[in-house]
Each structure stands twice: as C-alpha cells, then as structure tokens.
C-alpha atoms as a PDB file:
ATOM      1  CA  UNK A   1     -13.745   3.646   4.960  1.00  0.00           C
ATOM      2  CA  UNK A   2     -13.474   3.579   8.742  1.00  0.00           C
ATOM      3  CA  UNK A   3     -10.450   3.914  10.975  1.00  0.00           C
ATOM      4  CA  UNK A   4     -10.998   0.471  12.538  1.00  0.00           C
ATOM      5  CA  UNK A   5     -10.728  -1.150   9.119  1.00  0.00           C
ATOM      6  CA  UNK A   6      -7.150   0.091   8.805  1.00  0.00           C
ATOM      7  CA  UNK A   7      -6.019   0.149  12.435  1.00  0.00           C
ATOM      8  CA  UNK A   8      -3.460  -2.614  11.800  1.00  0.00           C
ATOM      9  CA  UNK A   9      -2.062  -1.076   8.615  1.00  0.00           C
ATOM     10  CA  UNK A  10       0.983   0.708  10.067  1.00  0.00           C
ATOM     11  CA  UNK A  11       2.448  -2.264  12.000  1.00  0.00           C
ATOM     12  CA  UNK A  12       1.642  -4.530   9.049  1.00  0.00           C
ATOM     13  CA  UNK A  13       3.512  -2.239   6.645  1.00  0.00           C
ATOM     14  CA  UNK A  14       6.570  -1.900   8.883  1.00  0.00           C
ATOM     15  CA  UNK A  15       6.793  -5.598   9.729  1.00  0.00           C
ATOM     16  CA  UNK A  16       5.967  -6.574   6.153  1.00  0.00           C
ATOM     17  CA  UNK A  17       8.673  -4.333   4.722  1.00  0.00           C
ATOM     18  CA  UNK A  18      11.251  -5.828   7.080  1.00  0.00           C
ATOM     19  CA  UNK A  19      10.231  -9.378   6.228  1.00  0.00           C
ATOM     20  CA  UNK A  20      10.280  -8.727   2.490  1.00  0.00           C
ATOM     21  CA  UNK A  21      13.665  -7.001   2.798  1.00  0.00           C
ATOM     22  CA  UNK A  22      15.208  -9.877   4.744  1.00  0.00           C
ATOM     23  CA  UNK A  23      13.614 -12.445   2.454  1.00  0.00           C
ATOM     24  CA  UNK A  24      14.773 -10.789  -0.756  1.00  0.00           C
ATOM     25  CA  UNK A  25      18.280 -10.374   0.654  1.00  0.00           C
ATOM     26  CA  UNK A  26      18.343 -14.098   1.376  1.00  0.00           C
ATOM     27  CA  UNK A  27      17.037 -14.856  -2.122  1.00  0.00           C
ATOM     28  CA  UNK A  28      19.692 -12.617  -3.676  1.00  0.00           C
ATOM     29  CA  UNK A  29      22.528 -14.155  -1.651  1.00  0.00           C
ATOM     30  CA  UNK A  30      21.351 -17.705  -2.307  1.00  0.00           C
ATOM     31  CA  UNK A  31      23.426 -20.722  -1.304  1.00  0.00           C
ATOM     32  CA  UNK A  32      23.950 -21.405   2.375  1.00  0.00           C
ATOM     33  CA  UNK A  33      22.568 -17.991   3.338  1.00  0.00           C
ATOM     34  CA  UNK A  34      19.216 -18.750   1.753  1.00  0.00           C
ATOM     35  CA  UNK A  35      19.269 -22.323   3.018  1.00  0.00           C
ATOM     36  CA  UNK A  36      19.850 -21.092   6.563  1.00  0.00           C
ATOM     37  CA  UNK A  37      17.024 -18.558   6.327  1.00  0.00           C
ATOM     38  CA  UNK A  38      14.555 -21.161   5.044  1.00  0.00           C
ATOM     39  CA  UNK A  39      15.603 -23.674   7.707  1.00  0.00           C
ATOM     40  CA  UNK A  40      15.108 -21.140  10.510  1.00  0.00           C
ATOM     41  CA  UNK A  41      11.728 -19.994   9.186  1.00  0.00           C
ATOM     42  CA  UNK A  42      10.537 -23.580   8.717  1.00  0.00           C
ATOM     43  CA  UNK A  43      11.640 -24.602  12.205  1.00  0.00           C
ATOM     44  CA  UNK A  44       9.834 -21.637  13.761  1.00  0.00           C
ATOM     45  CA  UNK A  45       6.671 -22.500  11.830  1.00  0.00           C
ATOM     46  CA  UNK A  46       6.778 -26.048  13.221  1.00  0.00           C
ATOM     47  CA  UNK A  47       7.258 -24.566  16.696  1.00  0.00           C
ATOM     48  CA  UNK A  48       4.193 -22.374  16.202  1.00  0.00           C
ATOM     49  CA  UNK A  49       2.159 -25.265  14.823  1.00  0.00           C
ATOM     50  CA  UNK A  50       2.897 -27.531  17.788  1.00  0.00           C
ATOM     51  CA  UNK A  51       2.167 -24.671  20.170  1.00  0.00           C
ATOM     52  CA  UNK A  52      -1.283 -24.264  18.621  1.00  0.00           C
ATOM     53  CA  UNK A  53      -2.144 -27.949  18.537  1.00  0.00           C
ATOM     54  CA  UNK A  54      -0.672 -29.126  21.835  1.00  0.00           C
ATOM     55  CA  UNK A  55       0.215 -26.175  24.051  1.00  0.00           C
ATOM     56  CA  UNK A  56       0.127 -28.345  27.184  1.00  0.00           C
ATOM     57  CA  UNK A  57       3.419 -29.971  26.280  1.00  0.00           C
ATOM     58  CA  UNK A  58       5.894 -27.202  27.036  1.00  0.00           C
ATOM     59  CA  UNK A  59       8.966 -28.918  25.568  1.00  0.00           C
ATOM     60  CA  UNK A  60       7.357 -30.520  22.517  1.00  0.00           C
ATOM     61  CA  UNK A  61       7.297 -27.365  20.329  1.00  0.00           C
ATOM     62  CA  UNK A  62      11.017 -26.677  20.760  1.00  0.00           C
ATOM     63  CA  UNK A  63      12.096 -30.301  20.390  1.00  0.00           C
ATOM     64  CA  UNK A  64      10.070 -30.885  17.234  1.00  0.00           C
ATOM     65  CA  UNK A  65      11.171 -27.540  15.781  1.00  0.00           C
ATOM     66  CA  UNK A  66      14.828 -28.488  16.279  1.00  0.00           C
ATOM     67  CA  UNK A  67      14.224 -31.880  14.680  1.00  0.00           C
ATOM     68  CA  UNK A  68      12.496 -30.249  11.717  1.00  0.00           C
ATOM     69  CA  UNK A  69      15.259 -27.693  11.245  1.00  0.00           C
ATOM     70  CA  UNK A  70      18.014 -30.293  11.449  1.00  0.00           C
ATOM     71  CA  UNK A  71      16.278 -32.628   8.996  1.00  0.00           C
ATOM     72  CA  UNK A  72      15.667 -29.831   6.488  1.00  0.00           C
ATOM     73  CA  UNK A  73      19.233 -28.563   6.731  1.00  0.00           C
ATOM     74  CA  UNK A  74      20.596 -32.021   5.961  1.00  0.00           C
ATOM     75  CA  UNK A  75      17.965 -32.877   3.326  1.00  0.00           C
ATOM     76  CA  UNK A  76      18.993 -30.126   0.915  1.00  0.00           C
ATOM     77  CA  UNK A  77      22.611 -31.305   1.017  1.00  0.00           C
ATOM     78  CA  UNK A  78      22.026 -34.984   0.216  1.00  0.00           C
ATOM     79  CA  UNK A  79      20.577 -36.807  -2.830  1.00  0.00           C
ATOM     80  CA  UNK A  80      16.783 -36.659  -3.129  1.00  0.00           C
ATOM     81  CA  UNK A  81      16.438 -40.380  -2.369  1.00  0.00           C
ATOM     82  CA  UNK A  82      17.859 -39.732   1.108  1.00  0.00           C
ATOM     83  CA  UNK A  83      16.205 -36.327   1.459  1.00  0.00           C
ATOM     84  CA  UNK A  84      12.650 -37.675   1.219  1.00  0.00           C
ATOM     85  CA  UNK A  85      12.681 -39.694   4.466  1.00  0.00           C
ATOM     86  CA  UNK A  86      14.342 -36.776   6.244  1.00  0.00           C
ATOM     87  CA  UNK A  87      11.546 -34.459   5.100  1.00  0.00           C
ATOM     88  CA  UNK A  88       8.875 -36.794   6.479  1.00  0.00           C
ATOM     89  CA  UNK A  89      10.646 -37.795   9.697  1.00  0.00           C
ATOM     90  CA  UNK A  90       9.491 -34.729  11.739  1.00  0.00           C
ATOM     91  CA  UNK A  91       5.875 -35.661  10.978  1.00  0.00           C
ATOM     92  CA  UNK A  92       6.470 -39.184  12.196  1.00  0.00           C
ATOM     93  CA  UNK A  93       8.430 -38.002  15.249  1.00  0.00           C
ATOM     94  CA  UNK A  94       5.617 -35.754  16.447  1.00  0.00           C
ATOM     95  CA  UNK A  95       2.564 -37.679  15.297  1.00  0.00           C
ATOM     96  CA  UNK A  96       2.343 -39.806  18.445  1.00  0.00           C
ATOM     97  CA  UNK A  97       3.296 -36.968  20.796  1.00  0.00           C
ATOM     98  CA  UNK A  98       0.201 -34.903  20.055  1.00  0.00           C
ATOM     99  CA  UNK A  99      -2.578 -35.233  22.603  1.00  0.00           C
ATOM    100  CA  UNK A 100      -4.822 -33.691  19.958  1.00  0.00           C
ATOM    101  CA  UNK A 101      -4.461 -32.727  16.322  1.00  0.00           C
ATOM    102  CA  UNK A 102      -1.972 -35.457  15.430  1.00  0.00           C
ATOM    103  CA  UNK A 103      -3.154 -35.749  11.829  1.00  0.00           C
ATOM    104  CA  UNK A 104      -3.202 -31.974  11.357  1.00  0.00           C
ATOM    105  CA  UNK A 105       0.311 -31.796  12.785  1.00  0.00           C
ATOM    106  CA  UNK A 106       1.632 -34.541  10.511  1.00  0.00           C
ATOM    107  CA  UNK A 107       0.095 -33.134   7.323  1.00  0.00           C
ATOM    108  CA  UNK A 108       0.991 -29.501   7.998  1.00  0.00           C
ATOM    109  CA  UNK A 109       4.534 -30.334   9.137  1.00  0.00           C
ATOM    110  CA  UNK A 110       5.105 -32.407   6.006  1.00  0.00           C
ATOM    111  CA  UNK A 111       3.838 -29.430   3.977  1.00  0.00           C
ATOM    112  CA  UNK A 112       6.259 -27.085   5.755  1.00  0.00           C
ATOM    113  CA  UNK A 113       9.186 -29.417   5.159  1.00  0.00           C
ATOM    114  CA  UNK A 114       8.386 -30.055   1.498  1.00  0.00           C
ATOM    115  CA  UNK A 115       7.734 -26.370   0.829  1.00  0.00           C
ATOM    116  CA  UNK A 116      11.003 -25.362   2.483  1.00  0.00           C
ATOM    117  CA  UNK A 117      12.893 -27.946   0.468  1.00  0.00           C
ATOM    118  CA  UNK A 118      11.104 -26.841  -2.696  1.00  0.00           C
ATOM    119  CA  UNK A 119      12.077 -23.196  -2.211  1.00  0.00           C
ATOM    120  CA  UNK A 120      15.721 -24.075  -1.624  1.00  0.00           C
ATOM    121  CA  UNK A 121      15.762 -26.383  -4.650  1.00  0.00           C
ATOM    122  CA  UNK A 122      14.073 -23.733  -6.801  1.00  0.00           C
ATOM    123  CA  UNK A 123      16.716 -21.152  -5.885  1.00  0.00           C
ATOM    124  CA  UNK A 124      19.571 -23.632  -6.355  1.00  0.00           C
ATOM    125  CA  UNK A 125      18.385 -25.182  -9.618  1.00  0.00           C
ATOM    126  CA  UNK A 126      16.616 -22.318 -11.405  1.00  0.00           C
ATOM    127  CA  UNK A 127      18.375 -19.264 -10.034  1.00  0.00           C
ATOM    128  CA  UNK A 128      17.435 -15.839  -8.732  1.00  0.00           C
ATOM    129  CA  UNK A 129      14.831 -14.917 -11.352  1.00  0.00           C
ATOM    130  CA  UNK A 130      12.425 -17.755 -10.626  1.00  0.00           C
ATOM    131  CA  UNK A 131      12.688 -17.355  -6.865  1.00  0.00           C
ATOM    132  CA  UNK A 132      12.125 -13.600  -7.140  1.00  0.00           C
ATOM    133  CA  UNK A 133       9.082 -14.307  -9.315  1.00  0.00           C
ATOM    134  CA  UNK A 134       7.605 -16.736  -6.776  1.00  0.00           C
ATOM    135  CA  UNK A 135       8.105 -14.336  -3.871  1.00  0.00           C
ATOM    136  CA  UNK A 136       6.681 -11.448  -5.891  1.00  0.00           C
ATOM    137  CA  UNK A 137       3.555 -13.395  -6.836  1.00  0.00           C
ATOM    138  CA  UNK A 138       2.846 -14.396  -3.236  1.00  0.00           C
ATOM    139  CA  UNK A 139       3.529 -10.925  -1.814  1.00  0.00           C
ATOM    140  CA  UNK A 140       1.458  -9.113  -4.452  1.00  0.00           C
ATOM    141  CA  UNK A 141      -1.386 -11.618  -4.056  1.00  0.00           C
ATOM    142  CA  UNK A 142      -1.466 -10.945  -0.330  1.00  0.00           C
ATOM    143  CA  UNK A 143      -1.217  -7.156  -0.660  1.00  0.00           C
ATOM    144  CA  UNK A 144      -3.832  -6.904  -3.430  1.00  0.00           C
ATOM    145  CA  UNK A 145      -6.167  -9.158  -1.477  1.00  0.00           C
ATOM    146  CA  UNK A 146      -5.733  -7.143   1.719  1.00  0.00           C
ATOM    147  CA  UNK A 147      -6.471  -3.745   0.191  1.00  0.00           C
ATOM    148  CA  UNK A 148      -9.264  -4.909  -2.104  1.00  0.00           C
ATOM    149  CA  UNK A 149     -10.899  -6.860   0.685  1.00  0.00           C
ATOM    150  CA  UNK A 150     -10.768  -3.925   3.090  1.00  0.00           C
ATOM    151  CA  UNK A 151     -11.816  -1.358   0.471  1.00  0.00           C
ATOM    152  CA  UNK A 152     -14.469  -3.191  -1.545  1.00  0.00           C
ATOM    153  CA  UNK A 153     -15.703  -5.736   0.971  1.00  0.00           C
ATOM    154  CA  UNK A 154     -18.669  -7.731  -0.276  1.00  0.00           C
ATOM    155  CA  UNK A 155     -19.398 -11.471  -0.103  1.00  0.00           C
ATOM    156  CA  UNK A 156     -17.130 -13.540   2.116  1.00  0.00           C
ATOM    157  CA  UNK A 157     -14.994 -16.299   0.638  1.00  0.00           C
ATOM    158  CA  UNK A 158     -15.411 -18.805   3.495  1.00  0.00           C
ATOM    159  CA  UNK A 159     -16.855 -16.987   6.522  1.00  0.00           C
ATOM    160  CA  UNK A 160     -16.981 -20.022   8.807  1.00  0.00           C
ATOM    161  CA  UNK A 161     -13.203 -20.451   8.625  1.00  0.00           C
ATOM    162  CA  UNK A 162     -11.853 -17.033   7.650  1.00  0.00           C
ATOM    163  CA  UNK A 163     -14.440 -14.288   8.257  1.00  0.00           C
ATOM    164  CA  UNK A 164     -12.259 -11.440   6.921  1.00  0.00           C
ATOM    165  CA  UNK A 165     -11.494 -12.909   3.503  1.00  0.00           C
ATOM    166  CA  UNK A 166     -13.754 -11.736   0.683  1.00  0.00           C
ATOM    167  CA  UNK A 167     -14.266 -12.699  -2.935  1.00  0.00           C
ATOM    168  CA  UNK A 168     -13.165  -9.193  -3.908  1.00  0.00           C
ATOM    169  CA  UNK A 169      -9.813  -9.714  -2.184  1.00  0.00           C
ATOM    170  CA  UNK A 170      -9.464 -13.195  -3.647  1.00  0.00           C
ATOM    171  CA  UNK A 171     -10.015 -12.051  -7.228  1.00  0.00           C
ATOM    172  CA  UNK A 172      -7.794  -9.000  -6.703  1.00  0.00           C
ATOM    173  CA  UNK A 173      -5.027 -11.395  -5.697  1.00  0.00           C
ATOM    174  CA  UNK A 174      -5.411 -13.214  -9.010  1.00  0.00           C
ATOM    175  CA  UNK A 175      -5.266  -9.950 -10.937  1.00  0.00           C
ATOM    176  CA  UNK A 176      -2.161  -8.843  -9.042  1.00  0.00           C
ATOM    177  CA  UNK A 177      -0.484 -12.193  -9.709  1.00  0.00           C
ATOM    178  CA  UNK A 178      -1.317 -11.956 -13.411  1.00  0.00           C
ATOM    179  CA  UNK A 179       0.321  -8.532 -13.575  1.00  0.00           C
ATOM    180  CA  UNK A 180       3.436  -9.912 -11.880  1.00  0.00           C
ATOM    181  CA  UNK A 181       3.496 -12.728 -14.435  1.00  0.00           C
ATOM    182  CA  UNK A 182       3.098 -10.232 -17.253  1.00  0.00           C
ATOM    183  CA  UNK A 183       5.974  -8.147 -15.914  1.00  0.00           C
ATOM    184  CA  UNK A 184       8.319 -11.112 -15.580  1.00  0.00           C
ATOM    185  CA  UNK A 185       7.240 -12.431 -19.000  1.00  0.00           C
ATOM    186  CA  UNK A 186       8.129  -9.084 -20.566  1.00  0.00           C
ATOM    187  CA  UNK A 187      11.492  -8.964 -18.794  1.00  0.00           C
ATOM    188  CA  UNK A 188      12.478 -12.574 -19.571  1.00  0.00           C
ATOM    189  CA  UNK A 189      11.984 -15.231 -22.232  1.00  0.00           C
ATOM    190  CA  UNK A 190       9.326 -17.075 -20.222  1.00  0.00           C
ATOM    191  CA  UNK A 191       6.446 -16.063 -22.500  1.00  0.00           C
ATOM    192  CA  UNK A 192       2.885 -14.962 -21.819  1.00  0.00           C
ATOM    193  CA  UNK A 193       1.979 -18.346 -20.346  1.00  0.00           C
ATOM    194  CA  UNK A 194       3.666 -17.157 -17.189  1.00  0.00           C
ATOM    195  CA  UNK A 195       0.533 -15.101 -16.472  1.00  0.00           C
ATOM    196  CA  UNK A 196      -1.554 -18.267 -16.205  1.00  0.00           C
ATOM    197  CA  UNK A 197       1.038 -19.981 -14.022  1.00  0.00           C
ATOM    198  CA  UNK A 198       1.158 -16.894 -11.801  1.00  0.00           C
ATOM    199  CA  UNK A 199      -2.618 -16.966 -11.304  1.00  0.00           C
ATOM    200  CA  UNK A 200      -2.441 -20.661 -10.396  1.00  0.00           C
ATOM    201  CA  UNK A 201       0.361 -19.910  -7.914  1.00  0.00           C
ATOM    202  CA  UNK A 202      -1.811 -17.167  -6.399  1.00  0.00           C
ATOM    203  CA  UNK A 203      -4.640 -19.680  -5.990  1.00  0.00           C
ATOM    204  CA  UNK A 204      -2.278 -22.159  -4.322  1.00  0.00           C
ATOM    205  CA  UNK A 205      -1.073 -19.364  -2.048  1.00  0.00           C
ATOM    206  CA  UNK A 206      -4.647 -18.565  -1.054  1.00  0.00           C
ATOM    207  CA  UNK A 207      -5.370 -22.250  -0.399  1.00  0.00           C
ATOM    208  CA  UNK A 208      -2.367 -22.324   1.937  1.00  0.00           C
ATOM    209  CA  UNK A 209      -3.712 -19.254   3.715  1.00  0.00           C
ATOM    210  CA  UNK A 210      -7.164 -20.812   4.120  1.00  0.00           C
ATOM    211  CA  UNK A 211      -5.686 -24.117   5.324  1.00  0.00           C
ATOM    212  CA  UNK A 212      -3.744 -22.337   8.067  1.00  0.00           C
ATOM    213  CA  UNK A 213      -6.876 -20.382   9.015  1.00  0.00           C
ATOM    214  CA  UNK A 214      -8.712 -23.693   9.413  1.00  0.00           C
ATOM    215  CA  UNK A 215      -5.994 -24.985  11.743  1.00  0.00           C
ATOM    216  CA  UNK A 216      -6.203 -21.807  13.849  1.00  0.00           C
ATOM    217  CA  UNK A 217      -9.986 -21.980  13.970  1.00  0.00           C
ATOM    218  CA  UNK A 218      -9.829 -25.588  15.170  1.00  0.00           C
ATOM    219  CA  UNK A 219      -7.222 -24.623  17.784  1.00  0.00           C
ATOM    220  CA  UNK A 220      -9.333 -21.587  18.782  1.00  0.00           C
ATOM    221  CA  UNK A 221      -6.484 -19.092  18.398  1.00  0.00           C
ATOM    222  CA  UNK A 222      -6.340 -15.837  16.438  1.00  0.00           C
ATOM    223  CA  UNK A 223      -2.653 -15.983  15.455  1.00  0.00           C
ATOM    224  CA  UNK A 224      -0.075 -18.752  15.275  1.00  0.00           C
ATOM    225  CA  UNK A 225       2.100 -16.698  17.665  1.00  0.00           C
ATOM    226  CA  UNK A 226       2.850 -13.062  18.497  1.00  0.00           C
ATOM    227  CA  UNK A 227       6.364 -12.892  17.047  1.00  0.00           C
ATOM    228  CA  UNK A 228       5.596 -10.263  14.390  1.00  0.00           C
ATOM    229  CA  UNK A 229       3.755  -7.025  15.277  1.00  0.00           C
ATOM    230  CA  UNK A 230       0.613  -6.636  13.188  1.00  0.00           C
ATOM    231  CA  UNK A 231       1.057 -10.029  11.547  1.00  0.00           C
ATOM    232  CA  UNK A 232       0.949 -12.654  14.315  1.00  0.00           C
ATOM    233  CA  UNK A 233       3.454 -15.421  13.689  1.00  0.00           C
ATOM    234  CA  UNK A 234       5.637 -16.616  10.833  1.00  0.00           C
ATOM    235  CA  UNK A 235       3.071 -19.273   9.987  1.00  0.00           C
ATOM    236  CA  UNK A 236       0.490 -16.510   9.550  1.00  0.00           C
ATOM    237  CA  UNK A 237       2.735 -14.721   7.072  1.00  0.00           C
ATOM    238  CA  UNK A 238       4.245 -17.686   5.232  1.00  0.00           C
ATOM    239  CA  UNK A 239       1.124 -19.834   4.920  1.00  0.00           C
ATOM    240  CA  UNK A 240       0.639 -18.499   1.408  1.00  0.00           C
ATOM    241  CA  UNK A 241       4.243 -19.264   0.512  1.00  0.00           C
ATOM    242  CA  UNK A 242       3.714 -22.837   1.731  1.00  0.00           C
ATOM    243  CA  UNK A 243       0.888 -23.384  -0.725  1.00  0.00           C
ATOM    244  CA  UNK A 244       2.731 -21.650  -3.568  1.00  0.00           C
ATOM    245  CA  UNK A 245       6.005 -23.507  -3.009  1.00  0.00           C
ATOM    246  CA  UNK A 246       4.239 -26.881  -2.807  1.00  0.00           C
ATOM    247  CA  UNK A 247       2.401 -26.119  -6.029  1.00  0.00           C
ATOM    248  CA  UNK A 248       5.606 -25.191  -7.849  1.00  0.00           C
ATOM    249  CA  UNK A 249       7.393 -28.249  -6.427  1.00  0.00           C
ATOM    250  CA  UNK A 250       4.806 -30.650  -7.830  1.00  0.00           C
ATOM    251  CA  UNK A 251       4.020 -28.785 -11.054  1.00  0.00           C
ATOM    252  CA  UNK A 252       7.707 -28.423 -11.813  1.00  0.00           C
ATOM    253  CA  UNK A 253       8.079 -32.191 -11.572  1.00  0.00           C
ATOM    254  CA  UNK A 254       4.979 -32.889 -13.679  1.00  0.00           C
ATOM    255  CA  UNK A 255       5.207 -30.377 -16.515  1.00  0.00           C
ATOM    256  CA  UNK A 256       8.421 -28.456 -15.925  1.00  0.00           C
ATOM    257  CA  UNK A 257       8.829 -24.699 -15.785  1.00  0.00           C
ATOM    258  CA  UNK A 258       9.249 -22.366 -18.757  1.00  0.00           C
ATOM    259  CA  UNK A 259      12.647 -20.846 -19.403  1.00  0.00           C
ATOM    260  CA  UNK A 260      12.990 -17.473 -17.692  1.00  0.00           C
ATOM    261  CA  UNK A 261      16.308 -16.126 -18.934  1.00  0.00           C
ATOM    262  CA  UNK A 262      16.618 -12.311 -18.577  1.00  0.00           C
END
C-alpha cells in the first residue's frame, strides 16, 4: 500500500460525507424538499455534460441546464402522459445545438431526466424505506469498489475506458450490495430476494459509472467538473445513481417491487 494510492482519500471522505448527509436529509424530508434537491442535481449534471461535449458554446450549458431543471420540476407534478414529453424535451432542445457529441448528449440527458423522475416517483410512491435502500446500495457499492480496487488491485475491468476500475472492486461492490439487501430484508418484510435485486442494482450502478467514464474519455477530460473536492463533478458522483435509478424505474414497471414494510 503506497501513499499515492490513497492521496485522494481525505477529500473524498469529507466531500462524500457531506453529499451523503445532504442526500439522506432530502430523502428523509421527502416531498418538495426532495423534489427540489433532485431537480437541482439533475440540472447541474446536464450543465456538466454540455460543458464536456461542447465547451465552445459558453451559454449552452446554462441554458440547457435551466431547461432540464424546469422540465423535471414540472414533470413530477403532472400526470405521466404529460410528464414523458417534458422529460425528453431537453434532449431534443440541445440535440441540434451540439457541434459534437449530439447523440451522446441526447441519450445521457434523457437518462438524467428519467433517473431524476424515477427517484422522485420512488420516494413519493414507495416511501422512505425503498429510497434509503436504493441510496445505500449505490453508496456501499461505490465504497466497497473503491477500497477493494485500491487494496487488492488485479485485472482491470475495462482499462481502455476506465483504467482504475478493477474486477476486484467490481465484485466487492456486488458483495457490499448483497449485504445491504440482506440487512434491509431482515429489517423489513421484503424477503431474501432483495439480495438478488440489490446485486442487480449494483451492476446497473456500475454500468452508469462506466458509461460516464466513456463520455469523459471521448471528451478527453478527467472529471465532469471541479465542483466537489476529491470527487470532480456531480455527474462523477451520481453516475452510479443514474444507472441504478433507471434500472429500478424500468424493473418496477415490468415486475414490480417487493413489499418492504418495516
């Protein structure tokens, strides 16, 4: 174990603790407080995305971020039939404005919007327990992957796109997610099947992480922004949540979610 391997640990821990604290407070409060938090985070992620893909257009990131935030804020308050076009409108609004990366912008922005909507709907429809479970799975997956990857090392997961991610960290994330599922299954009536769902959510989270890494590699940037010390930007930290929330949004519609009454 070398010092350079852990030189970003302190700022990551401090920033991570603050983000988790703010996020869990928003989850606990729910309602408009949580909606507002998700809208702000989603808008900033769109701002970061546009900045990576088309930095030459100085006003485009802010304009498209405001459009995305406004559409998401309205979408959660109207019936789903009217929410769907609102969730896709930011992709359409920015698609033709990109000098490069238009398809990547449209797909990733749609993912941000759908994931943000999915998290708000999950909190509104299924309550605090399910949202706390989702956040816990994503956070533990990331933490377990970070420490196992730095400690064990070994074969890389996809070195061309994400040279720091290892198979050891990837599998450790699955194990951590399974333990979270086991804990929530024991504390609720969800049943042991929650362990399998938790592992699948961890996989979706890791896919979101890899997808964002691919966007950064194509844009030739290390971080989506420098907003968060030790972490880069919000998109760097919430890429896993994007994948997890999208997975839950679609799986919940297809097969439903088990009851998780305390």
